[in-house]
Amino acid sequence: MKPEFYIARRFAFKQRSASKPTFIVMVAVIGIAVGTAALILTLSIVKGFAGSVENKLISFSSHIQIRHPEDQLFQERRSDFAKISNHANVSSATPFLEKNFVLRSRNAVKGESYRSKPVVIKGINEQQQQVFLKKFLKSGSLLPVGEKVKNEGIALYAGQTLAENLGLSVGGKVMLIGLGSNSSGAKLIAGNKSIVDLFSSLDLEVGVIRGIYDTGLQEGFDDYVVIADLKQLQQRFNPLMISGYDANVRQLAQVRNTVKEVTASLGFPFYGFTVFERYANLFEWLKLQKNITPLLIVTITIVAVFNIISTLLVLIIEKTREIGMLSALGLEPGKISTVFMAQALLIALAGIAAGNILALSLSLFELHFHLITLPEKSYFIKYVPLLIDPLDYAMVSIAVIALTLLFAFIPARIAASLKPGTALGN
């Protein structure tokens, strides 16, 4: 071991005076540990939060959606489906049908006669229903693939928030009211047609609530979207017609290029958009959360920097006589500076190790017990999400070491500039 490092270790962790510099060192170690843990936890929470919400949005919606302009219905063609599914980055593709309705239900429990709410009924195939409902179905039953539904109404799966607002329950019947498939419905409402013509233009159908799902995305999802079977919806309203195609990709990073290539192969009038474009407002909100992170990191770093500088300056004052003695014995100013740089490094390493252990322990504890809860309506998740990324731990540790050595240079130069006579006279 070099003499500089040996002296630095003695200065840092051995009590050599009545004023107990070891206590000052321990305070510095604790300060660095808390700062390091705070940085790591900040990155873990921000990444975990963004990842959790993105996964919910992606699991609820497809990566790519292909439509006609103005949400016009069109006939499903095998050639179009083949062009989408045969793309190298597309893992799966399925047709869907969306229709707007007013869902009307009777809520006798709360003493109200009827309650109504506009909804979108999305018809998807059986395989999609199986995948989606196995993840999010909260109550009700999931029909096996191929099993026929009794002809008692359209089988519907409503969101938890919608069910709470309208008092829906599994097995209950609802009324679906929507404009007809032709364009005359809007004209009838605006014109002076008879009430008979008006009612004849409406799509009236009975629906049966077969289950209630809960994605946690309560506004704009669980309170608005109702899942139904594609074939059943087509038979009742628009035979052989669809609203578009949902597609998932293998590499999400290439999704924007994929949608451009797919729509180019399909040609006019097809157009497509990604899940990031469809829910741009939510992803911008997530981006805003990430943009605040650098400000937090800078604030914590400034505190850590002043902590290490003040600690070293106090240690220099405490060790003034020892510095003078080392100079009198022939230790060069450069080596005295190295002693205090090494001392700063040892303090930083001890603090970083303690900070890493503290951050990992708190993360594992929260992931296991979920003590910190969040309002799901505002944040889409019930608990604080944490993503334990070893790269974050490594990056924060390296950054703290680099900053410690950078800002320890000033106190180290002050120690090296002390004259033996002045130091020994104090």
Protein backbone atom coordinates (compact mmCIF):
# COMPACT_ATOMS: atom_id res chain seq x y z
CA MET A 1 0.00 0.00 0.00
CA LYS A 2 1.29 3.44 -0.91
CA PRO A 3 2.02 5.77 2.05
CA GLU A 4 -0.52 8.33 0.80
CA PHE A 5 -3.38 5.80 0.89
CA TYR A 6 -2.29 4.45 4.27
CA ILE A 7 -2.27 7.96 5.76
CA ALA A 8 -5.61 8.75 4.09
CA ARG A 9 -7.19 5.64 5.64
CA ARG A 10 -5.82 6.57 9.07
CA PHE A 11 -7.06 10.16 8.73
CA ALA A 12 -10.52 9.07 7.62
CA PHE A 13 -11.38 6.19 9.92
CA LYS A 14 -9.08 6.38 12.95
CA GLN A 15 -9.81 8.67 15.88
CA ARG A 16 -6.71 10.79 16.42
CA SER A 17 -7.92 13.85 18.38
CA ALA A 18 -10.33 14.85 21.10
CA SER A 19 -12.70 16.49 18.62
CA LYS A 20 -13.49 13.08 17.07
CA PRO A 21 -13.00 13.63 13.33
CA THR A 22 -14.26 10.05 12.86
CA PHE A 23 -17.74 11.32 13.75
CA ILE A 24 -17.42 14.02 11.07
CA VAL A 25 -16.44 11.36 8.55
CA MET A 26 -19.42 9.22 9.48
CA VAL A 27 -21.73 12.21 8.97
CA ALA A 28 -20.19 12.67 5.50
CA VAL A 29 -20.62 8.97 4.71
CA ILE A 30 -24.28 9.11 5.78
CA GLY A 31 -24.82 12.24 3.67
CA ILE A 32 -23.35 10.61 0.57
CA ALA A 33 -25.32 7.42 1.26
CA VAL A 34 -28.62 9.30 1.53
CA GLY A 35 -27.85 11.33 -1.61
CA THR A 36 -26.89 8.22 -3.58
CA ALA A 37 -29.99 6.34 -2.43
CA ALA A 38 -32.20 9.31 -3.30
CA LEU A 39 -30.74 9.51 -6.83
CA ILE A 40 -31.19 5.78 -7.42
CA LEU A 41 -34.74 5.74 -6.04
CA THR A 42 -35.67 8.77 -8.17
CA LEU A 43 -34.51 7.00 -11.33
CA SER A 44 -36.19 3.74 -10.26
CA ILE A 45 -39.54 5.42 -9.59
CA VAL A 46 -39.53 7.52 -12.78
CA LYS A 47 -38.59 4.57 -14.98
CA GLY A 48 -40.95 2.22 -13.15
CA PHE A 49 -43.85 4.66 -13.39
CA ALA A 50 -43.32 5.32 -17.10
CA GLY A 51 -42.88 1.61 -17.80
CA SER A 52 -46.01 0.61 -15.87
CA VAL A 53 -48.28 3.14 -17.59
CA GLU A 54 -46.80 2.38 -21.03
CA ASN A 55 -47.31 -1.34 -20.50
CA LYS A 56 -50.93 -0.74 -19.50
CA LEU A 57 -51.59 1.39 -22.57
CA ILE A 58 -49.87 -1.09 -24.87
CA SER A 59 -51.61 -4.11 -23.32
CA PHE A 60 -54.99 -2.39 -23.59
CA SER A 61 -54.48 -1.17 -27.16
CA SER A 62 -52.67 -2.57 -30.18
CA HIS A 63 -49.28 -1.22 -31.29
CA ILE A 64 -50.67 -0.20 -34.69
CA GLN A 65 -54.16 0.56 -35.95
CA ILE A 66 -55.09 0.72 -39.64
CA ARG A 67 -58.29 2.55 -40.67
CA HIS A 68 -60.12 4.39 -43.45
CA PRO A 69 -60.53 8.21 -43.28
CA GLU A 70 -63.26 9.57 -41.00
CA ASP A 71 -63.60 6.15 -39.35
CA GLN A 72 -65.58 4.81 -42.30
CA LEU A 73 -66.45 1.12 -42.30
CA PHE A 74 -65.07 -1.07 -45.09
CA GLN A 75 -65.17 -4.68 -46.14
CA GLU A 76 -62.55 -7.05 -44.81
CA ARG A 77 -60.32 -8.48 -47.56
CA ARG A 78 -57.84 -11.32 -47.32
CA SER A 79 -55.37 -9.47 -49.53
CA ASP A 80 -55.29 -6.47 -47.15
CA PHE A 81 -54.95 -8.71 -44.13
CA ALA A 82 -52.07 -10.59 -45.80
CA LYS A 83 -50.17 -7.37 -46.55
CA ILE A 84 -50.35 -6.41 -42.89
CA SER A 85 -49.60 -9.78 -41.31
CA ASN A 86 -46.78 -10.61 -43.75
CA HIS A 87 -44.68 -7.61 -42.73
CA ALA A 88 -41.43 -8.74 -41.10
CA ASN A 89 -42.01 -6.73 -37.91
CA VAL A 90 -45.71 -7.55 -37.46
CA SER A 91 -46.29 -10.40 -35.00
CA SER A 92 -50.11 -10.49 -35.18
CA ALA A 93 -52.99 -8.70 -36.90
CA THR A 94 -56.75 -8.88 -36.33
CA PRO A 95 -59.81 -7.01 -37.65
CA PHE A 96 -62.14 -5.08 -35.34
CA LEU A 97 -65.45 -3.24 -35.51
CA GLU A 98 -66.28 -0.19 -33.40
CA LYS A 99 -69.74 1.34 -32.99
CA ASN A 100 -70.94 4.26 -30.89
CA PHE A 101 -73.97 3.68 -28.67
CA VAL A 102 -75.79 5.12 -25.73
CA LEU A 103 -75.85 2.37 -23.12
CA ARG A 104 -78.99 2.53 -20.97
CA SER A 105 -79.45 0.45 -17.86
CA ARG A 106 -81.89 0.19 -15.00
CA ASN A 107 -80.46 0.71 -11.54
CA ALA A 108 -83.05 -0.32 -9.00
CA VAL A 109 -80.49 -0.68 -6.19
CA LYS A 110 -79.91 3.05 -5.83
CA GLY A 111 -83.56 3.92 -6.28
CA GLU A 112 -83.07 5.30 -9.80
CA SER A 113 -85.15 4.19 -12.76
CA TYR A 114 -82.63 4.45 -15.63
CA ARG A 115 -79.10 5.69 -16.19
CA SER A 116 -77.44 6.29 -19.57
CA LYS A 117 -73.93 6.91 -20.86
CA PRO A 118 -72.33 7.10 -24.33
CA VAL A 119 -69.94 4.21 -24.99
CA VAL A 120 -67.90 2.63 -27.76
CA ILE A 121 -68.53 -1.06 -28.33
CA LYS A 122 -65.47 -2.71 -29.83
CA GLY A 123 -65.97 -6.06 -31.49
CA ILE A 124 -62.89 -8.27 -31.49
CA ASN A 125 -62.38 -11.93 -32.35
CA GLU A 126 -62.40 -14.75 -29.82
CA GLN A 127 -58.62 -15.04 -29.58
CA GLN A 128 -58.27 -11.35 -28.75
CA GLN A 129 -61.00 -11.62 -26.15
CA GLN A 130 -59.21 -14.53 -24.51
CA VAL A 131 -55.91 -12.63 -24.33
CA PHE A 132 -57.44 -9.38 -23.08
CA LEU A 133 -59.93 -10.78 -20.56
CA LYS A 134 -57.46 -13.26 -19.04
CA LYS A 135 -55.40 -10.22 -18.01
CA PHE A 136 -58.13 -7.83 -16.88
CA LEU A 137 -61.38 -9.74 -16.20
CA LYS A 138 -62.46 -8.96 -12.63
CA SER A 139 -65.83 -10.70 -12.46
CA GLY A 140 -67.96 -12.79 -14.79
CA SER A 141 -67.14 -15.68 -17.08
CA LEU A 142 -64.92 -16.12 -20.11
CA LEU A 143 -66.39 -18.34 -22.81
CA PRO A 144 -64.09 -21.03 -24.24
CA VAL A 145 -63.08 -20.51 -27.87
CA GLY A 146 -65.76 -21.85 -30.25
CA GLU A 147 -68.58 -22.01 -27.70
CA LYS A 148 -71.77 -20.32 -28.91
CA VAL A 149 -73.58 -17.68 -26.89
CA LYS A 150 -77.29 -18.02 -26.18
CA ASN A 151 -79.43 -15.77 -28.35
CA GLU A 152 -80.49 -13.48 -25.49
CA GLY A 153 -78.62 -10.33 -26.59
CA ILE A 154 -75.12 -9.15 -27.43
CA ALA A 155 -72.57 -10.48 -24.93
CA LEU A 156 -70.78 -7.46 -23.45
CA TYR A 157 -67.77 -6.94 -21.17
CA ALA A 158 -67.91 -3.54 -19.47
CA GLY A 159 -65.19 -1.65 -17.62
CA GLN A 160 -65.22 -1.43 -13.84
CA THR A 161 -65.73 2.36 -13.81
CA LEU A 162 -68.60 2.16 -16.29
CA ALA A 163 -70.20 -0.61 -14.22
CA GLU A 164 -69.98 1.51 -11.07
CA ASN A 165 -71.43 4.60 -12.80
CA LEU A 166 -74.40 2.74 -14.31
CA GLY A 167 -74.88 0.10 -11.63
CA LEU A 168 -74.10 -2.77 -14.01
CA SER A 169 -73.76 -6.32 -12.76
CA VAL A 170 -72.87 -9.64 -14.36
CA GLY A 171 -75.94 -11.14 -16.02
CA GLY A 172 -77.81 -7.85 -16.19
CA LYS A 173 -79.44 -6.65 -19.40
CA VAL A 174 -78.91 -3.23 -20.97
CA MET A 175 -80.36 -1.31 -23.90
CA LEU A 176 -78.06 -0.16 -26.73
CA ILE A 177 -79.21 2.89 -28.70
CA GLY A 178 -77.28 4.11 -31.74
CA LEU A 179 -77.72 5.78 -35.11
CA GLY A 180 -78.24 3.50 -38.08
CA SER A 181 -75.46 2.47 -40.42
CA ASN A 182 -76.64 4.85 -43.16
CA SER A 183 -76.01 8.58 -43.16
CA SER A 184 -79.67 9.51 -42.94
CA GLY A 185 -79.68 9.21 -39.16
CA ALA A 186 -77.89 12.50 -38.62
CA LYS A 187 -80.11 14.21 -41.20
CA LEU A 188 -83.21 12.97 -39.42
CA ILE A 189 -82.16 14.54 -36.16
CA ALA A 190 -81.32 17.85 -37.85
CA GLY A 191 -84.41 17.83 -40.10
CA ASN A 192 -88.15 17.89 -39.52
CA LYS A 193 -88.86 14.22 -40.12
CA SER A 194 -91.57 12.37 -38.25
CA ILE A 195 -90.93 10.61 -34.99
CA VAL A 196 -91.56 7.29 -36.74
CA ASP A 197 -88.77 7.97 -39.24
CA LEU A 198 -86.51 9.01 -36.40
CA PHE A 199 -86.99 5.81 -34.41
CA SER A 200 -86.75 3.63 -37.51
CA SER A 201 -83.28 5.09 -38.18
CA LEU A 202 -81.98 4.04 -34.76
CA ASP A 203 -80.16 0.81 -33.96
CA LEU A 204 -81.87 -0.64 -30.90
CA GLU A 205 -80.47 -3.81 -29.38
CA VAL A 206 -80.38 -5.65 -26.08
CA GLY A 207 -77.05 -6.44 -24.47
CA VAL A 208 -76.14 -8.83 -21.65
CA ILE A 209 -73.25 -8.06 -19.29
CA ARG A 210 -71.19 -11.25 -19.24
CA GLY A 211 -68.26 -9.81 -17.33
CA ILE A 212 -66.58 -6.71 -15.90
CA TYR A 213 -62.92 -5.92 -16.59
CA ASP A 214 -60.54 -3.53 -14.84
CA THR A 215 -57.42 -2.21 -16.57
CA GLY A 216 -56.81 0.60 -14.07
CA LEU A 217 -57.09 3.18 -16.88
CA GLN A 218 -60.32 4.55 -15.52
CA GLU A 219 -60.85 7.70 -17.58
CA GLY A 220 -61.36 7.16 -21.31
CA PHE A 221 -60.96 3.38 -21.05
CA ASP A 222 -62.78 1.55 -18.26
CA ASP A 223 -65.58 4.14 -18.31
CA TYR A 224 -66.03 4.20 -22.08
CA VAL A 225 -64.99 1.05 -23.96
CA VAL A 226 -67.18 -2.06 -23.97
CA ILE A 227 -65.83 -5.33 -25.42
CA ALA A 228 -68.02 -7.56 -27.61
CA ASP A 229 -67.60 -10.44 -30.06
CA LEU A 230 -66.76 -9.30 -33.61
CA LYS A 231 -68.96 -11.84 -35.42
CA GLN A 232 -71.94 -11.17 -33.17
CA LEU A 233 -71.61 -7.41 -33.68
CA GLN A 234 -71.31 -7.83 -37.45
CA GLN A 235 -74.38 -10.08 -37.65
CA ARG A 236 -76.53 -7.59 -35.74
CA PHE A 237 -75.43 -4.37 -37.44
CA ASN A 238 -72.83 -4.46 -40.26
CA PRO A 239 -72.35 -7.85 -41.95
CA LEU A 240 -68.78 -8.42 -43.24
CA MET A 241 -67.82 -4.81 -42.40
CA ILE A 242 -65.00 -3.72 -40.10
CA SER A 243 -63.60 -0.47 -38.73
CA GLY A 244 -59.97 -1.42 -39.23
CA TYR A 245 -57.11 -3.73 -38.30
CA ASP A 246 -55.19 -3.97 -35.03
CA ALA A 247 -51.58 -5.11 -35.30
CA ASN A 248 -48.79 -5.81 -32.82
CA VAL A 249 -45.11 -5.63 -33.65
CA ARG A 250 -42.08 -7.63 -32.57
CA GLN A 251 -39.78 -4.63 -32.07
CA LEU A 252 -41.61 -1.68 -30.55
CA ALA A 253 -38.73 0.67 -31.34
CA GLN A 254 -39.44 0.18 -35.07
CA VAL A 255 -43.21 0.72 -34.79
CA ARG A 256 -43.23 4.11 -36.55
CA ASN A 257 -41.33 2.80 -39.58
CA THR A 258 -43.55 -0.30 -39.61
CA VAL A 259 -46.82 1.65 -39.80
CA LYS A 260 -45.45 3.75 -42.68
CA GLU A 261 -44.40 0.67 -44.64
CA VAL A 262 -47.70 -1.17 -44.00
CA THR A 263 -49.90 1.76 -45.04
CA ALA A 264 -47.72 2.32 -48.13
CA SER A 265 -48.26 -1.31 -49.19
CA LEU A 266 -52.03 -1.03 -48.64
CA GLY A 267 -52.30 2.26 -50.52
CA PHE A 268 -55.11 4.82 -50.50
CA PRO A 269 -57.43 5.24 -48.60
CA PHE A 270 -55.77 3.37 -45.73
CA TYR A 271 -53.92 5.27 -43.05
CA GLY A 272 -52.36 4.11 -39.81
CA PHE A 273 -51.13 5.37 -36.46
CA THR A 274 -49.22 3.97 -33.52
CA VAL A 275 -50.25 3.61 -29.89
CA PHE A 276 -47.90 6.51 -29.09
CA GLU A 277 -49.80 8.77 -31.52
CA ARG A 278 -53.22 7.57 -30.42
CA TYR A 279 -52.55 8.37 -26.76
CA ALA A 280 -50.11 11.23 -27.39
CA ASN A 281 -51.42 13.29 -24.46
CA LEU A 282 -50.65 10.52 -21.96
CA PHE A 283 -47.20 9.86 -23.37
CA GLU A 284 -46.44 13.61 -23.29
CA TRP A 285 -47.45 13.55 -19.64
CA LEU A 286 -45.00 10.70 -19.03
CA LYS A 287 -42.31 12.64 -20.87
CA LEU A 288 -42.95 15.60 -18.57
CA GLN A 289 -42.41 13.34 -15.56
CA LYS A 290 -39.05 12.29 -17.00
CA ASN A 291 -38.05 15.90 -17.71
CA ILE A 292 -38.31 16.77 -14.02
CA THR A 293 -35.76 14.07 -13.13
CA PRO A 294 -32.62 16.07 -14.14
CA LEU A 295 -33.70 18.93 -11.85
CA LEU A 296 -34.01 16.54 -8.91
CA ILE A 297 -30.65 14.95 -9.72
CA VAL A 298 -28.89 18.34 -9.92
CA THR A 299 -30.40 19.42 -6.59
CA ILE A 300 -29.31 16.26 -4.79
CA THR A 301 -25.86 16.44 -6.40
CA ILE A 302 -25.30 20.02 -5.21
CA VAL A 303 -26.10 18.96 -1.65
CA ALA A 304 -23.66 16.03 -1.91
CA VAL A 305 -20.91 18.27 -3.34
CA PHE A 306 -21.15 20.82 -0.54
CA ASN A 307 -21.25 17.95 1.94
CA ILE A 308 -17.93 16.50 0.79
CA ILE A 309 -16.24 19.93 0.49
CA SER A 310 -17.29 21.01 3.99
CA THR A 311 -16.23 17.65 5.45
CA LEU A 312 -12.76 17.82 3.93
CA LEU A 313 -12.29 21.43 5.04
CA VAL A 314 -13.19 20.47 8.60
CA LEU A 315 -10.77 17.53 8.45
CA ILE A 316 -8.00 19.81 7.17
CA ILE A 317 -8.55 22.12 10.14
CA GLU A 318 -8.50 19.12 12.50
CA LYS A 319 -5.37 17.71 10.88
CA THR A 320 -3.41 20.96 10.50
CA ARG A 321 -0.64 19.88 12.87
CA GLU A 322 -0.38 16.45 11.20
CA ILE A 323 -0.11 18.13 7.80
CA GLY A 324 2.69 20.37 9.09
CA MET A 325 4.47 17.34 10.54
CA LEU A 326 4.21 15.45 7.24
CA SER A 327 5.60 18.46 5.38
CA ALA A 328 8.46 18.79 7.87
CA LEU A 329 9.28 15.10 7.36
CA GLY A 330 9.67 15.75 3.63
CA LEU A 331 6.31 14.72 2.17
CA GLU A 332 5.84 16.71 -1.01
CA PRO A 333 2.81 19.05 -1.44
CA GLY A 334 1.57 16.91 -4.33
CA LYS A 335 1.53 13.82 -2.13
CA ILE A 336 -0.25 15.70 0.67
CA SER A 337 -2.87 16.65 -1.90
CA THR A 338 -3.09 12.96 -2.89
CA VAL A 339 -3.68 12.03 0.76
CA PHE A 340 -6.82 14.16 0.94
CA MET A 341 -7.99 13.10 -2.53
CA ALA A 342 -7.65 9.48 -1.42
CA GLN A 343 -9.47 10.32 1.80
CA ALA A 344 -12.34 11.79 -0.21
CA LEU A 345 -12.39 8.65 -2.38
CA LEU A 346 -12.59 6.35 0.65
CA ILE A 347 -15.41 8.39 2.17
CA ALA A 348 -17.25 8.37 -1.17
CA LEU A 349 -16.86 4.61 -1.60
CA ALA A 350 -18.19 3.94 1.88
CA GLY A 351 -21.15 6.28 1.29
CA ILE A 352 -21.88 4.83 -2.16
CA ALA A 353 -21.87 1.26 -0.86
CA ALA A 354 -24.24 2.20 1.98
CA GLY A 355 -26.45 4.17 -0.45
CA ASN A 356 -26.72 1.26 -2.89
CA ILE A 357 -27.66 -1.13 -0.09
CA LEU A 358 -30.21 1.37 1.29
CA ALA A 359 -31.81 1.98 -2.14
CA LEU A 360 -32.01 -1.73 -2.96
CA SER A 361 -33.46 -2.57 0.45
CA LEU A 362 -36.14 0.13 0.24
CA SER A 363 -37.01 -0.89 -3.33
CA LEU A 364 -37.42 -4.57 -2.47
CA PHE A 365 -39.39 -3.71 0.66
CA GLU A 366 -41.83 -1.50 -1.28
CA LEU A 367 -42.21 -4.00 -4.13
CA HIS A 368 -43.09 -6.72 -1.63
CA PHE A 369 -45.39 -4.84 0.78
CA HIS A 370 -46.74 -1.94 -1.38
CA LEU A 371 -46.90 0.51 1.51
CA ILE A 372 -47.09 3.64 -0.67
CA THR A 373 -50.41 3.84 -2.53
CA LEU A 374 -51.50 6.20 -5.32
CA PRO A 375 -54.95 7.41 -6.47
CA GLU A 376 -55.56 5.15 -9.48
CA LYS A 377 -57.87 7.63 -11.21
CA SER A 378 -55.02 10.14 -11.46
CA TYR A 379 -51.98 7.90 -11.97
CA PHE A 380 -53.50 4.72 -13.56
CA ILE A 381 -51.68 2.57 -11.00
CA LYS A 382 -52.41 1.65 -7.37
CA TYR A 383 -48.89 1.47 -5.96
CA VAL A 384 -45.59 3.25 -6.49
CA PRO A 385 -43.80 1.31 -9.25
CA LEU A 386 -40.06 0.70 -8.96
CA LEU A 387 -37.77 -0.57 -11.69
CA ILE A 388 -34.54 -2.04 -10.28
CA ASP A 389 -32.00 -1.45 -13.05
CA PRO A 390 -28.35 -2.37 -12.29
CA LEU A 391 -27.28 0.21 -14.87
CA ASP A 392 -28.84 2.99 -12.76
CA TYR A 393 -26.92 1.81 -9.72
CA ALA A 394 -23.66 1.74 -11.67
CA MET A 395 -24.21 5.14 -13.33
CA VAL A 396 -25.10 6.89 -10.09
CA SER A 397 -22.14 5.33 -8.26
CA ILE A 398 -19.68 6.37 -10.98
CA ALA A 399 -21.16 9.89 -11.14
CA VAL A 400 -20.89 10.36 -7.35
CA ILE A 401 -17.24 9.18 -7.36
CA ALA A 402 -16.38 11.51 -10.24
CA LEU A 403 -18.05 14.53 -8.61
CA THR A 404 -16.48 13.77 -5.25
CA LEU A 405 -12.97 13.67 -6.71
CA LEU A 406 -13.63 16.76 -8.82
CA PHE A 407 -14.80 18.93 -5.94
CA ALA A 408 -12.36 17.43 -3.41
CA PHE A 409 -9.54 18.97 -5.44
CA ILE A 410 -10.01 22.44 -3.85
CA PRO A 411 -9.70 21.31 -0.19
CA ALA A 412 -6.82 19.01 -1.19
CA ARG A 413 -4.90 21.95 -2.72
CA ILE A 414 -5.56 24.01 0.42
CA ALA A 415 -4.01 21.23 2.54
CA ALA A 416 -1.00 20.98 0.22
CA SER A 417 -0.40 24.75 0.38
CA LEU A 418 -0.01 24.84 4.19
CA LYS A 419 3.56 25.74 5.30
CA PRO A 420 5.19 23.51 7.96
CA GLY A 421 5.94 26.41 10.28
CA THR A 422 2.42 27.80 10.11
CA ALA A 423 0.80 24.38 10.48
CA LEU A 424 2.93 23.32 13.47
CA GLY A 425 2.43 26.66 15.16
CA ASN A 426 -1.37 26.23 15.31
